[in-house]
PDB file of N, CA and C in Angstrom:
ATOM      1  N   MET A   1      22.428 -40.688 -19.243  1.00  0.00           N
ATOM      2  CA  MET A   1      22.700 -40.155 -20.296  1.00  0.00           C
ATOM      3  C   MET A   1      21.477 -39.945 -21.622  1.00  0.00           C
ATOM      4  N   ALA A   2      20.408 -41.185 -21.426  1.00  0.00           N
ATOM      5  CA  ALA A   2      19.503 -41.062 -22.316  1.00  0.00           C
ATOM      6  C   ALA A   2      18.410 -39.724 -21.876  1.00  0.00           C
ATOM      7  N   TRP A   3      18.310 -39.008 -20.483  1.00  0.00           N
ATOM      8  CA  TRP A   3      17.628 -38.214 -20.487  1.00  0.00           C
ATOM      9  C   TRP A   3      17.773 -37.009 -20.862  1.00  0.00           C
ATOM     10  N   GLN A   4      19.310 -36.912 -20.921  1.00  0.00           N
ATOM     11  CA  GLN A   4      20.061 -35.543 -21.689  1.00  0.00           C
ATOM     12  C   GLN A   4      19.631 -35.703 -23.101  1.00  0.00           C
ATOM     13  N   TRP A   5      19.559 -36.606 -23.812  1.00  0.00           N
ATOM     14  CA  TRP A   5      19.417 -36.628 -25.368  1.00  0.00           C
ATOM     15  C   TRP A   5      17.997 -36.142 -25.355  1.00  0.00           C
ATOM     16  N   GLU A   6      16.970 -36.806 -24.351  1.00  0.00           N
ATOM     17  CA  GLU A   6      15.616 -36.312 -24.612  1.00  0.00           C
ATOM     18  C   GLU A   6      15.454 -35.063 -24.205  1.00  0.00           C
ATOM     19  N   SER A   7      16.511 -34.318 -23.026  1.00  0.00           N
ATOM     20  CA  SER A   7      16.219 -32.972 -22.674  1.00  0.00           C
ATOM     21  C   SER A   7      16.640 -32.076 -23.741  1.00  0.00           C
ATOM     22  N   GLY A   8      17.418 -32.470 -24.525  1.00  0.00           N
ATOM     23  CA  GLY A   8      18.155 -31.569 -25.614  1.00  0.00           C
ATOM     24  C   GLY A   8      16.966 -31.475 -26.832  1.00  0.00           C
ATOM     25  N   THR A   9      16.555 -32.780 -27.434  1.00  0.00           N
ATOM     26  CA  THR A   9      15.686 -32.658 -28.384  1.00  0.00           C
ATOM     27  C   THR A   9      14.211 -31.906 -28.018  1.00  0.00           C
ATOM     28  N   ASP A  10      14.255 -31.903 -26.802  1.00  0.00           N
ATOM     29  CA  ASP A  10      12.947 -31.385 -26.703  1.00  0.00           C
ATOM     30  C   ASP A  10      13.130 -30.045 -26.555  1.00  0.00           C
ATOM     31  N   CYS A  11      14.535 -29.371 -26.003  1.00  0.00           N
ATOM     32  CA  CYS A  11      14.679 -28.117 -26.502  1.00  0.00           C
ATOM     33  C   CYS A  11      14.696 -27.496 -27.397  1.00  0.00           C
ATOM     34  N   VAL A  12      15.377 -28.200 -28.566  1.00  0.00           N
ATOM     35  CA  VAL A  12      15.751 -27.720 -30.010  1.00  0.00           C
ATOM     36  C   VAL A  12      14.032 -28.159 -30.194  1.00  0.00           C
ATOM     37  N   GLY A  13      13.344 -28.900 -30.150  1.00  0.00           N
ATOM     38  CA  GLY A  13      12.190 -29.142 -31.102  1.00  0.00           C
ATOM     39  C   GLY A  13      11.289 -27.826 -30.352  1.00  0.00           C
ATOM     40  N   CYS A  14      11.291 -27.133 -29.518  1.00  0.00           N
ATOM     41  CA  CYS A  14      10.308 -26.438 -28.841  1.00  0.00           C
ATOM     42  C   CYS A  14      11.031 -25.259 -29.436  1.00  0.00           C
ATOM     43  N   CYS A  15      12.363 -24.803 -29.270  1.00  0.00           N
ATOM     44  CA  CYS A  15      12.571 -23.508 -29.531  1.00  0.00           C
ATOM     45  C   CYS A  15      13.545 -23.485 -31.083  1.00  0.00           C
ATOM     46  N   TRP A  16      13.380 -24.175 -31.710  1.00  0.00           N
ATOM     47  CA  TRP A  16      14.142 -24.006 -32.993  1.00  0.00           C
ATOM     48  C   TRP A  16      14.083 -22.867 -33.720  1.00  0.00           C
ATOM     49  N   LEU A  17      12.482 -22.179 -33.599  1.00  0.00           N
ATOM     50  CA  LEU A  17      12.524 -21.111 -34.645  1.00  0.00           C
ATOM     51  C   LEU A  17      13.048 -19.851 -33.746  1.00  0.00           C
ATOM     52  N   ALA A  18      13.389 -19.345 -32.194  1.00  0.00           N
ATOM     53  CA  ALA A  18      13.715 -18.483 -31.510  1.00  0.00           C
ATOM     54  C   ALA A  18      15.509 -18.834 -31.977  1.00  0.00           C
ATOM     55  N   MET A  19      15.757 -19.906 -31.917  1.00  0.00           N
ATOM     56  CA  MET A  19      17.232 -20.028 -32.008  1.00  0.00           C
ATOM     57  C   MET A  19      17.762 -19.392 -33.711  1.00  0.00           C
ATOM     58  N   THR A  20      16.773 -19.678 -34.787  1.00  0.00           N
ATOM     59  CA  THR A  20      16.829 -19.395 -36.132  1.00  0.00           C
ATOM     60  C   THR A  20      16.964 -17.879 -35.957  1.00  0.00           C
ATOM     61  N   VAL A  21      15.467 -17.274 -35.474  1.00  0.00           N
ATOM     62  CA  VAL A  21      15.671 -15.787 -35.434  1.00  0.00           C
ATOM     63  C   VAL A  21      16.970 -15.208 -35.049  1.00  0.00           C
ATOM     64  N   LEU A  22      17.684 -15.571 -33.807  1.00  0.00           N
ATOM     65  CA  LEU A  22      18.637 -14.835 -33.299  1.00  0.00           C
ATOM     66  C   LEU A  22      20.295 -14.917 -34.156  1.00  0.00           C
ATOM     67  N   PHE A  23      19.969 -16.543 -34.893  1.00  0.00           N
ATOM     68  CA  PHE A  23      21.333 -16.653 -35.879  1.00  0.00           C
ATOM     69  C   PHE A  23      21.024 -15.641 -36.862  1.00  0.00           C
ATOM     70  N   VAL A  24      19.762 -15.460 -37.303  1.00  0.00           N
ATOM     71  CA  VAL A  24      19.480 -14.453 -38.470  1.00  0.00           C
ATOM     72  C   VAL A  24      19.887 -13.203 -38.241  1.00  0.00           C
ATOM     73  N   VAL A  25      19.184 -12.506 -37.033  1.00  0.00           N
ATOM     74  CA  VAL A  25      19.232 -11.091 -36.835  1.00  0.00           C
ATOM     75  C   VAL A  25      20.810 -10.864 -35.857  1.00  0.00           C
ATOM     76  N   GLY A  26      21.187 -11.769 -35.992  1.00  0.00           N
ATOM     77  CA  GLY A  26      22.434 -11.218 -34.907  1.00  0.00           C
ATOM     78  C   GLY A  26      22.845 -11.755 -33.531  1.00  0.00           C
ATOM     79  N   VAL A  27      23.545 -13.148 -33.188  1.00  0.00           N
ATOM     80  CA  VAL A  27      23.727 -13.520 -32.276  1.00  0.00           C
ATOM     81  C   VAL A  27      23.873 -12.959 -30.916  1.00  0.00           C
ATOM     82  N   MET A  28      24.607 -11.767 -31.226  1.00  0.00           N
ATOM     83  CA  MET A  28      25.031 -10.578 -30.221  1.00  0.00           C
ATOM     84  C   MET A  28      24.441  -9.552 -30.143  1.00  0.00           C
ATOM     85  N   ASN A  29      23.048  -9.568 -30.800  1.00  0.00           N
ATOM     86  CA  ASN A  29      22.304  -8.203 -31.046  1.00  0.00           C
ATOM     87  C   ASN A  29      21.688  -8.050 -29.787  1.00  0.00           C
ATOM     88  N   ILE A  30      22.048  -7.237 -28.681  1.00  0.00           N
ATOM     89  CA  ILE A  30      21.129  -7.306 -27.744  1.00  0.00           C
ATOM     90  C   ILE A  30      19.600  -6.997 -27.781  1.00  0.00           C
ATOM     91  N   VAL A  31      19.246  -6.048 -28.602  1.00  0.00           N
ATOM     92  CA  VAL A  31      18.107  -5.639 -29.149  1.00  0.00           C
ATOM     93  C   VAL A  31      16.927  -6.537 -29.092  1.00  0.00           C
ATOM     94  N   TRP A  32      17.555  -7.559 -30.247  1.00  0.00           N
ATOM     95  CA  TRP A  32      16.425  -8.508 -31.027  1.00  0.00           C
ATOM     96  C   TRP A  32      16.637  -9.546 -29.640  1.00  0.00           C
ATOM     97  N   ILE A  33      17.533  -9.954 -28.678  1.00  0.00           N
ATOM     98  CA  ILE A  33      17.453 -10.463 -27.782  1.00  0.00           C
ATOM     99  C   ILE A  33      16.579 -10.549 -26.770  1.00  0.00           C
ATOM    100  N   ALA A  34      16.692  -8.925 -26.637  1.00  0.00           N
ATOM    101  CA  ALA A  34      15.737  -8.198 -25.506  1.00  0.00           C
ATOM    102  C   ALA A  34      14.289  -8.279 -25.966  1.00  0.00           C
ATOM    103  N   LEU A  35      13.711  -8.209 -27.491  1.00  0.00           N
ATOM    104  CA  LEU A  35      12.582  -8.392 -27.571  1.00  0.00           C
ATOM    105  C   LEU A  35      12.146  -9.309 -28.047  1.00  0.00           C
ATOM    106  N   LEU A  36      13.246 -10.719 -27.776  1.00  0.00           N
ATOM    107  CA  LEU A  36      12.594 -12.086 -28.031  1.00  0.00           C
ATOM    108  C   LEU A  36      12.248 -12.307 -26.791  1.00  0.00           C
ATOM    109  N   ALA A  37      13.026 -12.079 -25.819  1.00  0.00           N
ATOM    110  CA  ALA A  37      13.018 -12.389 -24.195  1.00  0.00           C
ATOM    111  C   ALA A  37      11.466 -11.873 -23.819  1.00  0.00           C
ATOM    112  N   ALA A  38      11.506 -10.321 -24.239  1.00  0.00           N
ATOM    113  CA  ALA A  38       9.943 -10.044 -23.866  1.00  0.00           C
ATOM    114  C   ALA A  38       8.829 -10.592 -24.256  1.00  0.00           C
ATOM    115  N   PHE A  39       8.897 -11.085 -25.742  1.00  0.00           N
ATOM    116  CA  PHE A  39       7.648 -11.945 -26.064  1.00  0.00           C
ATOM    117  C   PHE A  39       7.541 -13.300 -25.571  1.00  0.00           C
ATOM    118  N   VAL A  40       8.908 -13.760 -25.049  1.00  0.00           N
ATOM    119  CA  VAL A  40       8.563 -14.990 -24.452  1.00  0.00           C
ATOM    120  C   VAL A  40       7.965 -14.941 -22.747  1.00  0.00           C
ATOM    121  N   LEU A  41       8.346 -13.603 -22.056  1.00  0.00           N
ATOM    122  CA  LEU A  41       7.711 -13.225 -21.100  1.00  0.00           C
ATOM    123  C   LEU A  41       6.078 -13.237 -21.248  1.00  0.00           C
ATOM    124  N   LEU A  42       5.853 -12.298 -22.345  1.00  0.00           N
ATOM    125  CA  LEU A  42       4.523 -12.124 -22.369  1.00  0.00           C
ATOM    126  C   LEU A  42       3.676 -13.336 -22.461  1.00  0.00           C
ATOM    127  N   GLU A  43       4.478 -14.334 -23.324  1.00  0.00           N
ATOM    128  CA  GLU A  43       3.575 -15.496 -23.909  1.00  0.00           C
ATOM    129  C   GLU A  43       3.586 -16.346 -22.511  1.00  0.00           C
ATOM    130  N   LYS A  44       4.336 -16.321 -21.705  1.00  0.00           N
ATOM    131  CA  LYS A  44       4.332 -17.588 -20.214  1.00  0.00           C
ATOM    132  C   LYS A  44       3.708 -16.623 -19.371  1.00  0.00           C
ATOM    133  N   LEU A  45       3.815 -15.136 -19.319  1.00  0.00           N
ATOM    134  CA  LEU A  45       2.735 -14.841 -17.914  1.00  0.00           C
ATOM    135  C   LEU A  45       2.086 -14.196 -18.127  1.00  0.00           C
ATOM    136  N   ALA A  46       1.493 -13.343 -19.309  1.00  0.00           N
ATOM    137  CA  ALA A  46       0.183 -12.345 -19.874  1.00  0.00           C
ATOM    138  C   ALA A  46      -0.859 -13.228 -19.725  1.00  0.00           C
ATOM    139  N   PRO A  47      -2.162 -13.200 -19.193  1.00  0.00           N
ATOM    140  CA  PRO A  47      -3.796 -14.059 -19.210  1.00  0.00           C
ATOM    141  C   PRO A  47      -3.560 -14.181 -20.956  1.00  0.00           C
ATOM    142  N   GLY A  48      -3.591 -13.326 -21.796  1.00  0.00           N
ATOM    143  CA  GLY A  48      -3.564 -14.021 -23.355  1.00  0.00           C
ATOM    144  C   GLY A  48      -2.441 -14.495 -23.860  1.00  0.00           C
ATOM    145  N   GLY A  49      -1.398 -14.836 -22.957  1.00  0.00           N
ATOM    146  CA  GLY A  49      -0.241 -15.463 -23.612  1.00  0.00           C
ATOM    147  C   GLY A  49      -0.736 -16.670 -24.616  1.00  0.00           C
ATOM    148  N   ARG A  50      -1.166 -17.410 -24.128  1.00  0.00           N
ATOM    149  CA  ARG A  50      -1.035 -18.767 -25.228  1.00  0.00           C
ATOM    150  C   ARG A  50      -1.804 -18.333 -26.381  1.00  0.00           C
ATOM    151  N   ILE A  51      -2.690 -17.213 -26.400  1.00  0.00           N
ATOM    152  CA  ILE A  51      -3.084 -16.986 -27.630  1.00  0.00           C
ATOM    153  C   ILE A  51      -2.337 -16.035 -28.445  1.00  0.00           C
ATOM    154  N   ALA A  52      -1.564 -15.316 -27.862  1.00  0.00           N
ATOM    155  CA  ALA A  52      -0.373 -14.490 -28.386  1.00  0.00           C
ATOM    156  C   ALA A  52       0.379 -15.274 -28.969  1.00  0.00           C
ATOM    157  N   GLY A  53       1.064 -16.335 -28.450  1.00  0.00           N
ATOM    158  CA  GLY A  53       1.751 -17.617 -28.752  1.00  0.00           C
ATOM    159  C   GLY A  53       1.128 -18.510 -30.280  1.00  0.00           C
ATOM    160  N   ARG A  54      -0.132 -18.588 -30.140  1.00  0.00           N
ATOM    161  CA  ARG A  54      -0.544 -19.164 -31.352  1.00  0.00           C
ATOM    162  C   ARG A  54      -0.780 -18.289 -32.550  1.00  0.00           C
ATOM    163  N   ILE A  55      -0.821 -16.809 -32.028  1.00  0.00           N
ATOM    164  CA  ILE A  55      -0.797 -16.128 -33.364  1.00  0.00           C
ATOM    165  C   ILE A  55       0.594 -15.605 -33.810  1.00  0.00           C
ATOM    166  N   ALA A  56       1.648 -16.215 -32.742  1.00  0.00           N
ATOM    167  CA  ALA A  56       3.105 -15.977 -33.444  1.00  0.00           C
ATOM    168  C   ALA A  56       3.266 -17.079 -34.423  1.00  0.00           C
ATOM    169  N   GLY A  57       2.980 -17.958 -33.897  1.00  0.00           N
ATOM    170  CA  GLY A  57       2.672 -19.086 -34.606  1.00  0.00           C
ATOM    171  C   GLY A  57       2.419 -19.421 -35.931  1.00  0.00           C
ATOM    172  N   ALA A  58       1.316 -18.986 -35.916  1.00  0.00           N
ATOM    173  CA  ALA A  58       0.491 -18.582 -37.336  1.00  0.00           C
ATOM    174  C   ALA A  58       1.047 -17.792 -38.263  1.00  0.00           C
ATOM    175  N   ALA A  59       1.624 -16.678 -37.538  1.00  0.00           N
ATOM    176  CA  ALA A  59       2.539 -15.909 -38.649  1.00  0.00           C
ATOM    177  C   ALA A  59       3.550 -16.346 -39.009  1.00  0.00           C
ATOM    178  N   ALA A  60       4.405 -17.113 -38.164  1.00  0.00           N
ATOM    179  CA  ALA A  60       5.451 -17.822 -38.639  1.00  0.00           C
ATOM    180  C   ALA A  60       5.254 -18.548 -39.861  1.00  0.00           C
ATOM    181  N   ALA A  61       4.377 -19.249 -39.546  1.00  0.00           N
ATOM    182  CA  ALA A  61       4.061 -20.500 -40.400  1.00  0.00           C
ATOM    183  C   ALA A  61       3.290 -19.683 -41.749  1.00  0.00           C
ATOM    184  N   GLY A  62       2.736 -18.822 -41.503  1.00  0.00           N
ATOM    185  CA  GLY A  62       2.160 -18.108 -42.892  1.00  0.00           C
ATOM    186  C   GLY A  62       3.460 -17.444 -43.712  1.00  0.00           C
ATOM    187  N   TRP A  63       4.406 -16.504 -42.879  1.00  0.00           N
ATOM    188  CA  TRP A  63       5.693 -16.125 -43.379  1.00  0.00           C
ATOM    189  C   TRP A  63       5.962 -17.187 -44.306  1.00  0.00           C
ATOM    190  N   GLY A  64       6.305 -18.677 -43.686  1.00  0.00           N
ATOM    191  CA  GLY A  64       7.395 -19.563 -44.440  1.00  0.00           C
ATOM    192  C   GLY A  64       6.692 -19.978 -45.369  1.00  0.00           C
ATOM    193  N   LEU A  65       5.232 -20.012 -45.398  1.00  0.00           N
ATOM    194  CA  LEU A  65       4.637 -20.328 -46.599  1.00  0.00           C
ATOM    195  C   LEU A  65       4.775 -19.632 -47.646  1.00  0.00           C
ATOM    196  N   TYR A  66       4.598 -17.930 -47.512  1.00  0.00           N
ATOM    197  CA  TYR A  66       4.927 -17.130 -48.331  1.00  0.00           C
ATOM    198  C   TYR A  66       6.178 -17.396 -49.049  1.00  0.00           C
ATOM    199  N   LEU A  67       7.080 -17.365 -48.232  1.00  0.00           N
ATOM    200  CA  LEU A  67       8.552 -17.394 -48.814  1.00  0.00           C
ATOM    201  C   LEU A  67       8.599 -18.626 -49.947  1.00  0.00           C
ATOM    202  N   ILE A  68       8.015 -19.914 -49.130  1.00  0.00           N
ATOM    203  CA  ILE A  68       8.224 -20.963 -50.317  1.00  0.00           C
ATOM    204  C   ILE A  68       7.282 -20.610 -51.585  1.00  0.00           C
ATOM    205  N   GLY A  69       6.740 -20.275 -51.379  1.00  0.00           N
ATOM    206  CA  GLY A  69       5.511 -19.905 -52.651  1.00  0.00           C
ATOM    207  C   GLY A  69       6.139 -18.577 -53.362  1.00  0.00           C
ATOM    208  N   SER A  70       6.685 -17.593 -52.703  1.00  0.00           N
ATOM    209  CA  SER A  70       7.680 -16.651 -53.902  1.00  0.00           C
ATOM    210  C   SER A  70       8.880 -17.184 -54.116  1.00  0.00           C
ATOM    211  N   ALA A  71       9.339 -17.862 -53.982  1.00  0.00           N
ATOM    212  CA  ALA A  71      10.898 -18.433 -54.440  1.00  0.00           C
ATOM    213  C   ALA A  71      10.592 -19.265 -55.903  1.00  0.00           C
TER     214      ALA A  71
END
């Protein structure tokens, strides 16, 4: 049972932003789901995928800081 909690927390810790984006743009919106899946595929399989992931992470962090600062 302990490994299930560890696996679950690992998944949430890794994918919380993707889950939040899907919730905000509409859980059943197939276009957003397809776009997010395409980005994940690019990130995992493309030669520059690691860089794309870091750029996306930096953009998300910057956007978050902007939203905090503008509130």
